[in-house]
Amino acid sequence: MQELDKAVFEANVSIQANFVEIQLTWGARKVTRKSENHLWVG
């Protein structure tokens, strides 16, 4: 039973890590897009 809990816990951790990574990637993409727009306007 403990092994199963450990496996579930590890799966949740990796899912959360992936989610954070995706959010960071999208955030960075938004920032770069904003600065690109400023370059075009400027």
N, C-alpha and C. Protein backbone atom coordinates (compact mmCIF):
# COMPACT_ATOMS: atom_id res chain seq x y z
N MET A 1 0.84 -1.21 0.00
CA MET A 1 0.00 0.00 0.00
C MET A 1 0.87 1.26 0.00
N GLN A 2 1.95 1.22 0.75
CA GLN A 2 2.83 2.39 0.82
C GLN A 2 3.48 2.66 -0.54
N GLU A 3 3.83 1.59 -1.25
CA GLU A 3 4.44 1.74 -2.57
C GLU A 3 3.50 2.47 -3.52
N LEU A 4 2.22 2.11 -3.47
CA LEU A 4 1.22 2.73 -4.34
C LEU A 4 1.11 4.22 -4.03
N ASP A 5 1.05 4.54 -2.74
CA ASP A 5 0.97 5.95 -2.34
C ASP A 5 2.18 6.72 -2.86
N LYS A 6 3.35 6.10 -2.78
CA LYS A 6 4.58 6.74 -3.24
C LYS A 6 4.51 6.99 -4.74
N ALA A 7 4.01 6.01 -5.48
CA ALA A 7 3.90 6.15 -6.94
C ALA A 7 2.94 7.28 -7.30
N VAL A 8 1.82 7.32 -6.60
CA VAL A 8 0.82 8.38 -6.85
C VAL A 8 1.42 9.74 -6.53
N PHE A 9 2.13 9.82 -5.41
CA PHE A 9 2.76 11.08 -5.01
C PHE A 9 3.76 11.55 -6.06
N GLU A 10 4.60 10.63 -6.53
CA GLU A 10 5.60 10.99 -7.54
C GLU A 10 4.94 11.44 -8.83
N ALA A 11 3.85 10.77 -9.20
CA ALA A 11 3.13 11.16 -10.42
C ALA A 11 2.58 12.57 -10.28
N ASN A 12 2.00 12.87 -9.12
CA ASN A 12 1.46 14.21 -8.88
C ASN A 12 2.55 15.27 -8.94
N VAL A 13 3.70 14.96 -8.38
CA VAL A 13 4.81 15.92 -8.38
C VAL A 13 5.26 16.21 -9.81
N SER A 14 5.38 15.15 -10.62
CA SER A 14 5.84 15.37 -12.00
C SER A 14 4.79 16.13 -12.81
N ILE A 15 3.51 15.86 -12.55
CA ILE A 15 2.44 16.59 -13.25
C ILE A 15 2.51 18.08 -12.88
N GLN A 16 2.69 18.36 -11.59
CA GLN A 16 2.78 19.75 -11.15
C GLN A 16 4.00 20.44 -11.76
N ALA A 17 5.11 19.72 -11.83
CA ALA A 17 6.33 20.29 -12.41
C ALA A 17 6.10 20.64 -13.88
N ASN A 18 5.44 19.73 -14.60
CA ASN A 18 5.14 19.98 -16.01
C ASN A 18 4.23 21.19 -16.16
N PHE A 19 3.23 21.29 -15.27
CA PHE A 19 2.27 22.39 -15.33
C PHE A 19 2.98 23.72 -15.12
N VAL A 20 3.86 23.77 -14.13
CA VAL A 20 4.62 24.99 -13.84
C VAL A 20 5.47 25.37 -15.04
N GLU A 21 6.11 24.34 -15.64
CA GLU A 21 6.97 24.57 -16.80
C GLU A 21 6.17 25.17 -17.95
N ILE A 22 4.97 24.63 -18.17
CA ILE A 22 4.10 25.12 -19.25
C ILE A 22 3.72 26.58 -18.97
N GLN A 23 3.35 26.87 -17.73
CA GLN A 23 2.96 28.24 -17.38
C GLN A 23 4.12 29.21 -17.60
N LEU A 24 5.33 28.79 -17.19
CA LEU A 24 6.50 29.64 -17.38
C LEU A 24 6.76 29.88 -18.86
N THR A 25 6.63 28.83 -19.66
CA THR A 25 6.87 28.95 -21.10
C THR A 25 5.87 29.92 -21.71
N TRP A 26 4.61 29.78 -21.35
CA TRP A 26 3.58 30.67 -21.89
C TRP A 26 3.82 32.10 -21.44
N GLY A 27 4.19 32.26 -20.16
CA GLY A 27 4.48 33.60 -19.63
C GLY A 27 5.62 34.25 -20.39
N ALA A 28 6.68 33.50 -20.63
CA ALA A 28 7.83 34.02 -21.36
C ALA A 28 7.43 34.39 -22.78
N ARG A 29 6.58 33.56 -23.38
CA ARG A 29 6.15 33.82 -24.76
C ARG A 29 5.35 35.11 -24.83
N LYS A 30 4.49 35.33 -23.83
CA LYS A 30 3.69 36.55 -23.79
C LYS A 30 4.60 37.77 -23.66
N VAL A 31 5.60 37.66 -22.80
CA VAL A 31 6.52 38.78 -22.57
C VAL A 31 7.28 39.10 -23.85
N THR A 32 7.79 38.07 -24.54
CA THR A 32 8.55 38.33 -25.77
C THR A 32 7.64 38.92 -26.83
N ARG A 33 6.40 38.45 -26.88
CA ARG A 33 5.47 38.99 -27.87
C ARG A 33 5.21 40.47 -27.60
N LYS A 34 5.08 40.82 -26.32
CA LYS A 34 4.85 42.22 -25.95
C LYS A 34 6.03 43.09 -26.37
N SER A 35 7.24 42.64 -26.09
CA SER A 35 8.42 43.44 -26.45
C SER A 35 8.56 43.54 -27.97
N GLU A 36 8.17 42.49 -28.69
CA GLU A 36 8.20 42.54 -30.16
C GLU A 36 7.23 43.61 -30.66
N ASN A 37 6.05 43.65 -30.05
CA ASN A 37 5.06 44.65 -30.44
C ASN A 37 5.60 46.06 -30.20
N HIS A 38 6.28 46.24 -29.07
CA HIS A 38 6.86 47.55 -28.77
C HIS A 38 7.90 47.92 -29.83
N LEU A 39 8.68 46.95 -30.25
CA LEU A 39 9.70 47.22 -31.27
C LEU A 39 9.04 47.67 -32.57
N TRP A 40 7.96 46.98 -32.95
CA TRP A 40 7.27 47.33 -34.19
C TRP A 40 6.67 48.73 -34.10
N VAL A 41 6.05 49.02 -32.95
CA VAL A 41 5.40 50.32 -32.77
C VAL A 41 6.45 51.42 -32.70
N GLY A 42 7.51 51.17 -31.91
CA GLY A 42 8.54 52.18 -31.66
C GLY A 42 9.24 52.60 -32.93
